[in-house]
């Protein structure tokens, strides 16, 4: 028994390959096949990863732990935001009062000089 020879690519794709403008109109020849295989591989890998991770107890624990950590950080961030807002308000009020006081002193001095 002899092993049959591997078919040539041209015979596999219908005897003749498109080239030039006809290849672009037909979807790019082998480029379309590469894109198709790439998309197929990505889809199968995605399905495999989703199924594997969704059934993994370790990944579920990791997801719960990271979710709780993010919620804690968000709560701390909200507290910090409100504290920062109060501090900024207090600072701006004190700054405004100080600037007003300084401006009034400058006005008084300029009026004394004029007299």
PDB file of N, CA and C in Angstrom:
ATOM      1  N   UNK A   1       0.837  -1.191   0.000  1.00  0.00           N
ATOM      2  CA  UNK A   1       0.000   0.000   0.000  1.00  0.00           C
ATOM      3  C   UNK A   1       0.871   1.241   0.000  1.00  0.00           C
ATOM      4  N   UNK A   2       0.520   2.162  -0.785  1.00  0.00           N
ATOM      5  CA  UNK A   2       1.262   3.420  -0.832  1.00  0.00           C
ATOM      6  C   UNK A   2       0.403   4.538  -0.253  1.00  0.00           C
ATOM      7  N   UNK A   3       1.059   5.476   0.368  1.00  0.00           N
ATOM      8  CA  UNK A   3       0.365   6.628   0.951  1.00  0.00           C
ATOM      9  C   UNK A   3       0.126   7.639  -0.155  1.00  0.00           C
ATOM     10  N   UNK A   4      -1.118   8.076  -0.300  1.00  0.00           N
ATOM     11  CA  UNK A   4      -1.373   9.048  -1.381  1.00  0.00           C
ATOM     12  C   UNK A   4      -0.654  10.368  -1.107  1.00  0.00           C
ATOM     13  N   UNK A   5      -0.226  10.995  -2.168  1.00  0.00           N
ATOM     14  CA  UNK A   5       0.484  12.281  -2.060  1.00  0.00           C
ATOM     15  C   UNK A   5      -0.472  13.356  -1.533  1.00  0.00           C
ATOM     16  N   UNK A   6       0.086  14.283  -0.789  1.00  0.00           N
ATOM     17  CA  UNK A   6      -0.704  15.384  -0.257  1.00  0.00           C
ATOM     18  C   UNK A   6      -1.171  16.269  -1.405  1.00  0.00           C
ATOM     19  N   UNK A   7      -2.457  16.640  -1.421  1.00  0.00           N
ATOM     20  CA  UNK A   7      -2.930  17.461  -2.540  1.00  0.00           C
ATOM     21  C   UNK A   7      -2.280  18.840  -2.507  1.00  0.00           C
ATOM     22  N   UNK A   8      -2.035  19.365  -3.647  1.00  0.00           N
ATOM     23  CA  UNK A   8      -1.440  20.687  -3.753  1.00  0.00           C
ATOM     24  C   UNK A   8      -2.490  21.735  -3.407  1.00  0.00           C
ATOM     25  N   UNK A   9      -2.037  22.872  -2.960  1.00  0.00           N
ATOM     26  CA  UNK A   9      -2.953  23.942  -2.546  1.00  0.00           C
ATOM     27  C   UNK A   9      -3.861  24.367  -3.689  1.00  0.00           C
ATOM     28  N   UNK A  10      -3.321  24.451  -4.899  1.00  0.00           N
ATOM     29  CA  UNK A  10      -4.126  24.884  -6.039  1.00  0.00           C
ATOM     30  C   UNK A  10      -5.260  23.893  -6.301  1.00  0.00           C
ATOM     31  N   UNK A  11      -4.959  22.594  -6.187  1.00  0.00           N
ATOM     32  CA  UNK A  11      -5.999  21.593  -6.400  1.00  0.00           C
ATOM     33  C   UNK A  11      -7.031  21.658  -5.281  1.00  0.00           C
ATOM     34  N   UNK A  12      -6.575  21.949  -4.073  1.00  0.00           N
ATOM     35  CA  UNK A  12      -7.489  22.019  -2.938  1.00  0.00           C
ATOM     36  C   UNK A  12      -8.452  23.200  -3.071  1.00  0.00           C
ATOM     37  N   UNK A  13      -7.992  24.317  -3.604  1.00  0.00           N
ATOM     38  CA  UNK A  13      -8.821  25.515  -3.724  1.00  0.00           C
ATOM     39  C   UNK A  13      -9.537  25.619  -5.055  1.00  0.00           C
ATOM     40  N   UNK A  14      -9.637  24.557  -5.784  1.00  0.00           N
ATOM     41  CA  UNK A  14     -10.433  24.578  -7.001  1.00  0.00           C
ATOM     42  C   UNK A  14      -9.613  24.641  -8.279  1.00  0.00           C
ATOM     43  N   UNK A  15      -8.356  24.291  -8.217  1.00  0.00           N
ATOM     44  CA  UNK A  15      -7.565  24.204  -9.426  1.00  0.00           C
ATOM     45  C   UNK A  15      -6.779  25.453  -9.739  1.00  0.00           C
ATOM     46  N   UNK A  16      -7.278  26.604  -9.459  1.00  0.00           N
ATOM     47  CA  UNK A  16      -6.555  27.815  -9.827  1.00  0.00           C
ATOM     48  C   UNK A  16      -6.835  28.880  -8.793  1.00  0.00           C
ATOM     49  N   UNK A  17      -5.820  29.624  -8.465  1.00  0.00           N
ATOM     50  CA  UNK A  17      -5.965  30.671  -7.455  1.00  0.00           C
ATOM     51  C   UNK A  17      -6.167  32.010  -8.121  1.00  0.00           C
ATOM     52  N   UNK A  18      -6.992  32.830  -7.496  1.00  0.00           N
ATOM     53  CA  UNK A  18      -7.227  34.171  -8.025  1.00  0.00           C
ATOM     54  C   UNK A  18      -6.037  35.060  -7.686  1.00  0.00           C
ATOM     55  N   UNK A  19      -5.732  35.979  -8.575  1.00  0.00           N
ATOM     56  CA  UNK A  19      -4.643  36.910  -8.295  1.00  0.00           C
ATOM     57  C   UNK A  19      -5.040  38.289  -8.800  1.00  0.00           C
ATOM     58  N   UNK A  20      -4.370  39.304  -8.280  1.00  0.00           N
ATOM     59  CA  UNK A  20      -4.595  40.667  -8.738  1.00  0.00           C
ATOM     60  C   UNK A  20      -5.957  41.203  -8.331  1.00  0.00           C
ATOM     61  N   UNK A  21      -6.600  41.906  -9.259  1.00  0.00           N
ATOM     62  CA  UNK A  21      -7.882  42.556  -8.985  1.00  0.00           C
ATOM     63  C   UNK A  21      -8.974  41.537  -8.688  1.00  0.00           C
ATOM     64  N   UNK A  22      -8.918  40.387  -9.361  1.00  0.00           N
ATOM     65  CA  UNK A  22      -9.952  39.377  -9.113  1.00  0.00           C
ATOM     66  C   UNK A  22      -9.851  38.829  -7.691  1.00  0.00           C
ATOM     67  N   UNK A  23      -8.631  38.754  -7.134  1.00  0.00           N
ATOM     68  CA  UNK A  23      -8.467  38.277  -5.761  1.00  0.00           C
ATOM     69  C   UNK A  23      -9.051  39.291  -4.781  1.00  0.00           C
ATOM     70  N   UNK A  24      -8.838  40.573  -5.069  1.00  0.00           N
ATOM     71  CA  UNK A  24      -9.396  41.598  -4.181  1.00  0.00           C
ATOM     72  C   UNK A  24     -10.912  41.580  -4.212  1.00  0.00           C
ATOM     73  N   UNK A  25     -11.484  41.386  -5.396  1.00  0.00           N
ATOM     74  CA  UNK A  25     -12.948  41.326  -5.504  1.00  0.00           C
ATOM     75  C   UNK A  25     -13.491  40.077  -4.826  1.00  0.00           C
ATOM     76  N   UNK A  26     -12.743  38.999  -4.845  1.00  0.00           N
ATOM     77  CA  UNK A  26     -13.201  37.733  -4.293  1.00  0.00           C
ATOM     78  C   UNK A  26     -12.952  37.627  -2.793  1.00  0.00           C
ATOM     79  N   UNK A  27     -12.422  38.659  -2.175  1.00  0.00           N
ATOM     80  CA  UNK A  27     -12.206  38.613  -0.737  1.00  0.00           C
ATOM     81  C   UNK A  27     -10.766  38.392  -0.355  1.00  0.00           C
ATOM     82  N   UNK A  28      -9.846  38.526  -1.276  1.00  0.00           N
ATOM     83  CA  UNK A  28      -8.432  38.492  -0.934  1.00  0.00           C
ATOM     84  C   UNK A  28      -7.772  37.133  -0.986  1.00  0.00           C
ATOM     85  N   UNK A  29      -8.363  36.119  -1.539  1.00  0.00           N
ATOM     86  CA  UNK A  29      -7.702  34.820  -1.664  1.00  0.00           C
ATOM     87  C   UNK A  29      -7.422  34.191  -0.317  1.00  0.00           C
ATOM     88  N   UNK A  30      -6.144  33.914  -0.038  1.00  0.00           N
ATOM     89  CA  UNK A  30      -5.774  33.214   1.192  1.00  0.00           C
ATOM     90  C   UNK A  30      -5.944  34.110   2.422  1.00  0.00           C
ATOM     91  N   UNK A  31      -5.946  35.433   2.247  1.00  0.00           N
ATOM     92  CA  UNK A  31      -6.154  36.342   3.379  1.00  0.00           C
ATOM     93  C   UNK A  31      -7.514  36.134   4.024  1.00  0.00           C
ATOM     94  N   UNK A  32      -8.519  35.847   3.212  1.00  0.00           N
ATOM     95  CA  UNK A  32      -9.858  35.601   3.756  1.00  0.00           C
ATOM     96  C   UNK A  32      -9.868  34.311   4.574  1.00  0.00           C
ATOM     97  N   UNK A  33      -9.142  33.314   4.103  1.00  0.00           N
ATOM     98  CA  UNK A  33      -9.089  32.044   4.829  1.00  0.00           C
ATOM     99  C   UNK A  33      -8.353  32.235   6.156  1.00  0.00           C
ATOM    100  N   UNK A  34      -7.290  33.028   6.138  1.00  0.00           N
ATOM    101  CA  UNK A  34      -6.541  33.288   7.370  1.00  0.00           C
ATOM    102  C   UNK A  34      -7.424  34.021   8.373  1.00  0.00           C
ATOM    103  N   UNK A  35      -8.169  35.024   7.898  1.00  0.00           N
ATOM    104  CA  UNK A  35      -9.085  35.746   8.802  1.00  0.00           C
ATOM    105  C   UNK A  35     -10.151  34.812   9.363  1.00  0.00           C
ATOM    106  N   UNK A  36     -10.688  33.956   8.482  1.00  0.00           N
ATOM    107  CA  UNK A  36     -11.714  33.016   8.937  1.00  0.00           C
ATOM    108  C   UNK A  36     -11.158  32.081  10.010  1.00  0.00           C
ATOM    109  N   UNK A  37      -9.973  31.521   9.755  1.00  0.00           N
ATOM    110  CA  UNK A  37      -9.374  30.608  10.736  1.00  0.00           C
ATOM    111  C   UNK A  37      -9.022  31.335  12.026  1.00  0.00           C
ATOM    112  N   UNK A  38      -8.558  32.575  11.912  1.00  0.00           N
ATOM    113  CA  UNK A  38      -8.235  33.366  13.096  1.00  0.00           C
ATOM    114  C   UNK A  38      -9.494  33.618  13.927  1.00  0.00           C
ATOM    115  N   UNK A  39     -10.575  34.009  13.259  1.00  0.00           N
ATOM    116  CA  UNK A  39     -11.836  34.242  13.976  1.00  0.00           C
ATOM    117  C   UNK A  39     -12.368  32.964  14.606  1.00  0.00           C
ATOM    118  N   UNK A  40     -12.254  31.864  13.892  1.00  0.00           N
ATOM    119  CA  UNK A  40     -12.707  30.575  14.419  1.00  0.00           C
ATOM    120  C   UNK A  40     -11.903  30.194  15.656  1.00  0.00           C
ATOM    121  N   UNK A  41     -10.571  30.337  15.570  1.00  0.00           N
ATOM    122  CA  UNK A  41      -9.715  30.016  16.715  1.00  0.00           C
ATOM    123  C   UNK A  41     -10.045  30.916  17.906  1.00  0.00           C
ATOM    124  N   UNK A  42     -10.218  32.216  17.660  1.00  0.00           N
ATOM    125  CA  UNK A  42     -10.560  33.138  18.749  1.00  0.00           C
ATOM    126  C   UNK A  42     -11.889  32.777  19.402  1.00  0.00           C
ATOM    127  N   UNK A  43     -12.873  32.400  18.587  1.00  0.00           N
ATOM    128  CA  UNK A  43     -14.176  32.011  19.122  1.00  0.00           C
ATOM    129  C   UNK A  43     -14.060  30.750  19.987  1.00  0.00           C
ATOM    130  N   UNK A  44     -13.362  29.741  19.477  1.00  0.00           N
ATOM    131  CA  UNK A  44     -13.224  28.487  20.231  1.00  0.00           C
ATOM    132  C   UNK A  44     -12.428  28.707  21.515  1.00  0.00           C
ATOM    133  N   UNK A  45     -11.368  29.512  21.450  1.00  0.00           N
ATOM    134  CA  UNK A  45     -10.585  29.807  22.652  1.00  0.00           C
ATOM    135  C   UNK A  45     -11.432  30.568  23.664  1.00  0.00           C
ATOM    136  N   UNK A  46     -12.238  31.508  23.188  1.00  0.00           N
ATOM    137  CA  UNK A  46     -13.102  32.269  24.076  1.00  0.00           C
ATOM    138  C   UNK A  46     -14.121  31.367  24.766  1.00  0.00           C
ATOM    139  N   UNK A  47     -14.758  30.489  24.005  1.00  0.00           N
ATOM    140  CA  UNK A  47     -15.734  29.568  24.585  1.00  0.00           C
ATOM    141  C   UNK A  47     -15.059  28.666  25.612  1.00  0.00           C
ATOM    142  N   UNK A  48     -13.904  28.140  25.266  1.00  0.00           N
ATOM    143  CA  UNK A  48     -13.175  27.252  26.177  1.00  0.00           C
ATOM    144  C   UNK A  48     -12.798  27.986  27.466  1.00  0.00           C
ATOM    145  N   UNK A  49     -12.254  29.204  27.339  1.00  0.00           N
ATOM    146  CA  UNK A  49     -11.856  29.963  28.532  1.00  0.00           C
ATOM    147  C   UNK A  49     -13.050  30.325  29.404  1.00  0.00           C
ATOM    148  N   UNK A  50     -14.128  30.752  28.785  1.00  0.00           N
ATOM    149  CA  UNK A  50     -15.316  31.132  29.569  1.00  0.00           C
ATOM    150  C   UNK A  50     -15.868  29.922  30.310  1.00  0.00           C
ATOM    151  N   UNK A  51     -15.989  28.813  29.620  1.00  0.00           N
ATOM    152  CA  UNK A  51     -16.502  27.595  30.267  1.00  0.00           C
ATOM    153  C   UNK A  51     -15.569  27.127  31.374  1.00  0.00           C
ATOM    154  N   UNK A  52     -14.283  27.131  31.126  1.00  0.00           N
ATOM    155  CA  UNK A  52     -13.312  26.667  32.112  1.00  0.00           C
ATOM    156  C   UNK A  52     -13.299  27.572  33.334  1.00  0.00           C
ATOM    157  N   UNK A  53     -13.260  28.889  33.111  1.00  0.00           N
ATOM    158  CA  UNK A  53     -13.196  29.825  34.231  1.00  0.00           C
ATOM    159  C   UNK A  53     -14.498  29.874  35.018  1.00  0.00           C
ATOM    160  N   UNK A  54     -15.631  29.755  34.324  1.00  0.00           N
ATOM    161  CA  UNK A  54     -16.906  29.813  35.048  1.00  0.00           C
ATOM    162  C   UNK A  54     -17.109  28.587  35.938  1.00  0.00           C
ATOM    163  N   UNK A  55     -16.479  27.478  35.621  1.00  0.00           N
ATOM    164  CA  UNK A  55     -16.604  26.271  36.435  1.00  0.00           C
ATOM    165  C   UNK A  55     -15.475  26.117  37.455  1.00  0.00           C
ATOM    166  N   UNK A  56     -14.542  27.067  37.486  1.00  0.00           N
ATOM    167  CA  UNK A  56     -13.390  26.973  38.376  1.00  0.00           C
ATOM    168  C   UNK A  56     -13.690  27.642  39.720  1.00  0.00           C
ATOM    169  N   UNK A  57     -13.601  26.893  40.808  1.00  0.00           N
ATOM    170  CA  UNK A  57     -13.819  27.443  42.150  1.00  0.00           C
ATOM    171  C   UNK A  57     -12.762  28.497  42.496  1.00  0.00           C
ATOM    172  N   UNK A  58     -11.539  28.272  42.081  1.00  0.00           N
ATOM    173  CA  UNK A  58     -10.462  29.221  42.366  1.00  0.00           C
ATOM    174  C   UNK A  58     -10.744  30.563  41.707  1.00  0.00           C
ATOM    175  N   UNK A  59     -11.164  30.534  40.440  1.00  0.00           N
ATOM    176  CA  UNK A  59     -11.467  31.781  39.747  1.00  0.00           C
ATOM    177  C   UNK A  59     -12.681  32.468  40.376  1.00  0.00           C
ATOM    178  N   UNK A  60     -13.673  31.698  40.802  1.00  0.00           N
ATOM    179  CA  UNK A  60     -14.840  32.293  41.449  1.00  0.00           C
ATOM    180  C   UNK A  60     -14.444  32.989  42.744  1.00  0.00           C
ATOM    181  N   UNK A  61     -13.564  32.356  43.540  1.00  0.00           N
ATOM    182  CA  UNK A  61     -13.079  33.000  44.773  1.00  0.00           C
ATOM    183  C   UNK A  61     -12.312  34.272  44.454  1.00  0.00           C
ATOM    184  N   UNK A  62     -11.468  34.199  43.428  1.00  0.00           N
ATOM    185  CA  UNK A  62     -10.714  35.375  43.013  1.00  0.00           C
ATOM    186  C   UNK A  62     -11.657  36.503  42.593  1.00  0.00           C
ATOM    187  N   UNK A  63     -12.688  36.183  41.832  1.00  0.00           N
ATOM    188  CA  UNK A  63     -13.633  37.201  41.366  1.00  0.00           C
ATOM    189  C   UNK A  63     -14.372  37.846  42.540  1.00  0.00           C
ATOM    190  N   UNK A  64     -14.800  37.044  43.509  1.00  0.00           N
ATOM    191  CA  UNK A  64     -15.514  37.583  44.673  1.00  0.00           C
ATOM    192  C   UNK A  64     -14.596  38.456  45.508  1.00  0.00           C
ATOM    193  N   UNK A  65     -13.373  37.981  45.743  1.00  0.00           N
ATOM    194  CA  UNK A  65     -12.413  38.744  46.540  1.00  0.00           C
ATOM    195  C   UNK A  65     -12.074  40.070  45.870  1.00  0.00           C
ATOM    196  N   UNK A  66     -11.812  40.042  44.574  1.00  0.00           N
ATOM    197  CA  UNK A  66     -11.459  41.285  43.878  1.00  0.00           C
ATOM    198  C   UNK A  66     -12.648  42.240  43.829  1.00  0.00           C
ATOM    199  N   UNK A  67     -13.858  41.720  43.718  1.00  0.00           N
ATOM    200  CA  UNK A  67     -15.049  42.571  43.717  1.00  0.00           C
ATOM    201  C   UNK A  67     -15.215  43.257  45.076  1.00  0.00           C
ATOM    202  N   UNK A  68     -15.033  42.503  46.157  1.00  0.00           N
ATOM    203  CA  UNK A  68     -15.144  43.095  47.494  1.00  0.00           C
ATOM    204  C   UNK A  68     -14.068  44.155  47.707  1.00  0.00           C
ATOM    205  N   UNK A  69     -12.854  43.888  47.250  1.00  0.00           N
ATOM    206  CA  UNK A  69     -11.765  44.849  47.385  1.00  0.00           C
ATOM    207  C   UNK A  69     -12.074  46.136  46.616  1.00  0.00           C
ATOM    208  N   UNK A  70     -12.588  46.004  45.400  1.00  0.00           N
ATOM    209  CA  UNK A  70     -12.930  47.187  44.605  1.00  0.00           C
ATOM    210  C   UNK A  70     -14.039  47.988  45.274  1.00  0.00           C
ATOM    211  N   UNK A  71     -15.035  47.313  45.842  1.00  0.00           N
ATOM    212  CA  UNK A  71     -16.113  48.027  46.536  1.00  0.00           C
ATOM    213  C   UNK A  71     -15.575  48.786  47.741  1.00  0.00           C
ATOM    214  N   UNK A  72     -14.652  48.173  48.495  1.00  0.00           N
ATOM    215  CA  UNK A  72     -14.047  48.858  49.646  1.00  0.00           C
ATOM    216  C   UNK A  72     -13.266  50.088  49.193  1.00  0.00           C
ATOM    217  N   UNK A  73     -12.506  49.948  48.112  1.00  0.00           N
ATOM    218  CA  UNK A  73     -11.733  51.079  47.606  1.00  0.00           C
ATOM    219  C   UNK A  73     -12.643  52.201  47.125  1.00  0.00           C
ATOM    220  N   UNK A  74     -13.759  51.839  46.484  1.00  0.00           N
ATOM    221  CA  UNK A  74     -14.700  52.853  46.030  1.00  0.00           C
ATOM    222  C   UNK A  74     -15.323  53.591  47.206  1.00  0.00           C
ATOM    223  N   UNK A  75     -15.656  52.855  48.275  1.00  0.00           N
ATOM    224  CA  UNK A  75     -16.217  53.512  49.452  1.00  0.00           C
ATOM    225  C   UNK A  75     -15.208  54.457  50.075  1.00  0.00           C
ATOM    226  N   UNK A  76     -13.949  54.042  50.164  1.00  0.00           N
ATOM    227  CA  UNK A  76     -12.906  54.916  50.696  1.00  0.00           C
ATOM    228  C   UNK A  76     -12.730  56.131  49.797  1.00  0.00           C
ATOM    229  N   UNK A  77     -12.841  55.928  48.514  1.00  0.00           N
ATOM    230  CA  UNK A  77     -12.725  57.038  47.567  1.00  0.00           C
ATOM    231  C   UNK A  77     -13.851  58.033  47.738  1.00  0.00           C
ATOM    232  N   UNK A  78     -15.074  57.560  48.004  1.00  0.00           N
ATOM    233  CA  UNK A  78     -16.195  58.466  48.218  1.00  0.00           C
ATOM    234  C   UNK A  78     -15.986  59.282  49.478  1.00  0.00           C
ATOM    235  N   UNK A  79     -15.497  58.653  50.536  1.00  0.00           N
ATOM    236  CA  UNK A  79     -15.233  59.375  51.779  1.00  0.00           C
ATOM    237  C   UNK A  79     -14.163  60.423  51.526  1.00  0.00           C
ATOM    238  N   UNK A  80     -13.136  60.053  50.820  1.00  0.00           N
ATOM    239  CA  UNK A  80     -12.053  60.981  50.523  1.00  0.00           C
ATOM    240  C   UNK A  80     -12.558  62.134  49.666  1.00  0.00           C
ATOM    241  N   UNK A  81     -13.436  61.846  48.710  1.00  0.00           N
ATOM    242  CA  UNK A  81     -13.994  62.895  47.867  1.00  0.00           C
ATOM    243  C   UNK A  81     -14.762  63.906  48.703  1.00  0.00           C
ATOM    244  N   UNK A  82     -15.605  63.414  49.602  1.00  0.00           N
ATOM    245  CA  UNK A  82     -16.399  64.338  50.412  1.00  0.00           C
ATOM    246  C   UNK A  82     -15.511  65.134  51.355  1.00  0.00           C
ATOM    247  N   UNK A  83     -14.507  64.478  51.967  1.00  0.00           N
ATOM    248  CA  UNK A  83     -13.569  65.198  52.835  1.00  0.00           C
ATOM    249  C   UNK A  83     -12.803  66.240  52.041  1.00  0.00           C
ATOM    250  N   UNK A  84     -12.376  65.861  50.867  1.00  0.00           N
ATOM    251  CA  UNK A  84     -11.623  66.774  50.025  1.00  0.00           C
ATOM    252  C   UNK A  84     -12.486  67.964  49.622  1.00  0.00           C
ATOM    253  N   UNK A  85     -13.748  67.713  49.330  1.00  0.00           N
ATOM    254  CA  UNK A  85     -14.665  68.799  48.978  1.00  0.00           C
ATOM    255  C   UNK A  85     -14.843  69.775  50.126  1.00  0.00           C
ATOM    256  N   UNK A  86     -15.000  69.247  51.343  1.00  0.00           N
ATOM    257  CA  UNK A  86     -15.148  70.108  52.519  1.00  0.00           C
ATOM    258  C   UNK A  86     -13.872  70.911  52.755  1.00  0.00           C
ATOM    259  N   UNK A  87     -12.717  70.260  52.635  1.00  0.00           N
ATOM    260  CA  UNK A  87     -11.449  70.954  52.839  1.00  0.00           C
ATOM    261  C   UNK A  87     -11.235  72.027  51.777  1.00  0.00           C
ATOM    262  N   UNK A  88     -11.588  71.725  50.544  1.00  0.00           N
ATOM    263  CA  UNK A  88     -11.429  72.706  49.470  1.00  0.00           C
ATOM    264  C   UNK A  88     -12.353  73.892  49.709  1.00  0.00           C
ATOM    265  N   UNK A  89     -13.555  73.621  50.170  1.00  0.00           N
ATOM    266  CA  UNK A  89     -14.496  74.707  50.464  1.00  0.00           C
ATOM    267  C   UNK A  89     -13.976  75.593  51.588  1.00  0.00           C
ATOM    268  N   UNK A  90     -13.469  74.968  52.645  1.00  0.00           N
ATOM    269  CA  UNK A  90     -12.908  75.719  53.774  1.00  0.00           C
ATOM    270  C   UNK A  90     -11.707  76.534  53.325  1.00  0.00           C
ATOM    271  N   UNK A  91     -10.840  75.946  52.524  1.00  0.00           N
ATOM    272  CA  UNK A  91      -9.654  76.647  52.035  1.00  0.00           C
ATOM    273  C   UNK A  91     -10.050  77.836  51.169  1.00  0.00           C
ATOM    274  N   UNK A  92     -10.991  77.622  50.249  1.00  0.00           N
ATOM    275  CA  UNK A  92     -11.374  78.716  49.351  1.00  0.00           C
ATOM    276  C   UNK A  92     -12.029  79.857  50.124  1.00  0.00           C
ATOM    277  N   UNK A  93     -12.816  79.520  51.154  1.00  0.00           N
ATOM    278  CA  UNK A  93     -13.439  80.556  51.984  1.00  0.00           C
ATOM    279  C   UNK A  93     -12.369  81.351  52.733  1.00  0.00           C
ATOM    280  N   UNK A  94     -11.406  80.661  53.347  1.00  0.00           N
ATOM    281  CA  UNK A  94     -10.335  81.339  54.079  1.00  0.00           C
ATOM    282  C   UNK A  94      -9.477  82.166  53.120  1.00  0.00           C
ATOM    283  N   UNK A  95      -9.189  81.639  51.938  1.00  0.00           N
ATOM    284  CA  UNK A  95      -8.386  82.361  50.947  1.00  0.00           C
ATOM    285  C   UNK A  95      -9.109  83.631  50.504  1.00  0.00           C
ATOM    286  N   UNK A  96     -10.394  83.509  50.227  1.00  0.00           N
ATOM    287  CA  UNK A  96     -11.196  84.658  49.798  1.00  0.00           C
ATOM    288  C   UNK A  96     -11.210  85.729  50.880  1.00  0.00           C
ATOM    289  N   UNK A  97     -11.417  85.317  52.145  1.00  0.00           N
ATOM    290  CA  UNK A  97     -11.431  86.279  53.253  1.00  0.00           C
ATOM    291  C   UNK A  97     -10.083  86.980  53.392  1.00  0.00           C
ATOM    292  N   UNK A  98      -9.015  86.220  53.280  1.00  0.00           N
ATOM    293  CA  UNK A  98      -7.668  86.788  53.399  1.00  0.00           C
ATOM    294  C   UNK A  98      -7.383  87.765  52.266  1.00  0.00           C
ATOM    295  N   UNK A  99      -7.775  87.391  51.051  1.00  0.00           N
ATOM    296  CA  UNK A  99      -7.551  88.279  49.909  1.00  0.00           C
ATOM    297  C   UNK A  99      -8.385  89.547  50.028  1.00  0.00           C
ATOM    298  N   UNK A 100      -9.623  89.415  50.492  1.00  0.00           N
ATOM    299  CA  UNK A 100     -10.478  90.590  50.683  1.00  0.00           C
ATOM    300  C   UNK A 100      -9.867  91.513  51.720  1.00  0.00           C
ATOM    301  N   UNK A 101      -9.400  90.942  52.805  1.00  0.00           N
ATOM    302  CA  UNK A 101      -8.758  91.723  53.872  1.00  0.00           C
ATOM    303  C   UNK A 101      -7.531  92.455  53.330  1.00  0.00           C
ATOM    304  N   UNK A 102      -6.698  91.761  52.553  1.00  0.00           N
ATOM    305  CA  UNK A 102      -5.499  92.362  51.971  1.00  0.00           C
ATOM    306  C   UNK A 102      -5.865  93.471  50.994  1.00  0.00           C
ATOM    307  N   UNK A 103      -6.881  93.261  50.197  1.00  0.00           N
ATOM    308  CA  UNK A 103      -7.327  94.265  49.228  1.00  0.00           C
ATOM    309  C   UNK A 103      -7.803  95.521  49.943  1.00  0.00           C
ATOM    310  N   UNK A 104      -8.583  95.344  51.019  1.00  0.00           N
ATOM    311  CA  UNK A 104      -9.066  96.500  51.792  1.00  0.00           C
ATOM    312  C   UNK A 104      -7.902  97.289  52.396  1.00  0.00           C
ATOM    313  N   UNK A 105      -6.898  96.578  52.891  1.00  0.00           N
ATOM    314  CA  UNK A 105      -5.728  97.266  53.447  1.00  0.00           C
ATOM    315  C   UNK A 105      -5.002  98.059  52.369  1.00  0.00           C
ATOM    316  N   UNK A 106      -4.883  97.490  51.178  1.00  0.00           N
ATOM    317  CA  UNK A 106      -4.228  98.196  50.067  1.00  0.00           C
ATOM    318  C   UNK A 106      -5.034  99.441  49.673  1.00  0.00           C
ATOM    319  N   UNK A 107      -6.356  99.304  49.665  1.00  0.00           N
ATOM    320  CA  UNK A 107      -7.210 100.445  49.328  1.00  0.00           C
ATOM    321  C   UNK A 107      -7.050 101.557  50.366  1.00  0.00           C
ATOM    322  N   UNK A 108      -7.024 101.194  51.639  1.00  0.00           N
ATOM    323  CA  UNK A 108      -6.871 102.176  52.712  1.00  0.00           C
ATOM    324  C   UNK A 108      -5.527 102.902  52.597  1.00  0.00           C
ATOM    325  N   UNK A 109      -4.472 102.146  52.291  1.00  0.00           N
ATOM    326  CA  UNK A 109      -3.147 102.751  52.161  1.00  0.00           C
ATOM    327  C   UNK A 109      -3.102 103.706  50.972  1.00  0.00           C
ATOM    328  N   UNK A 110      -3.704 103.322  49.870  1.00  0.00           N
ATOM    329  CA  UNK A 110      -3.689 104.181  48.694  1.00  0.00           C
ATOM    330  C   UNK A 110      -4.496 105.469  48.950  1.00  0.00           C
ATOM    331  N   UNK A 111      -5.579 105.379  49.740  1.00  0.00           N
ATOM    332  CA  UNK A 111      -6.359 106.563  50.059  1.00  0.00           C
ATOM    333  C   UNK A 111      -5.567 107.481  51.003  1.00  0.00           C
ATOM    334  N   UNK A 112      -4.802 106.933  51.912  1.00  0.00           N
ATOM    335  CA  UNK A 112      -3.984 107.745  52.825  1.00  0.00           C
ATOM    336  C   UNK A 112      -2.901 108.483  52.053  1.00  0.00           C
ATOM    337  N   UNK A 113      -2.336 107.815  51.057  1.00  0.00           N
ATOM    338  CA  UNK A 113      -1.275 108.423  50.257  1.00  0.00           C
ATOM    339  C   UNK A 113      -1.837 109.599  49.456  1.00  0.00           C
ATOM    340  N   UNK A 114      -3.060 109.432  48.936  1.00  0.00           N
ATOM    341  CA  UNK A 114      -3.693 110.469  48.130  1.00  0.00           C
ATOM    342  C   UNK A 114      -4.012 111.699  48.969  1.00  0.00           C
ATOM    343  N   UNK A 115      -4.322 111.541  50.262  1.00  0.00           N
ATOM    344  CA  UNK A 115      -4.712 112.679  51.093  1.00  0.00           C
ATOM    345  C   UNK A 115      -3.522 113.432  51.449  1.00  0.00           C
TER     346      UNK A 115
END
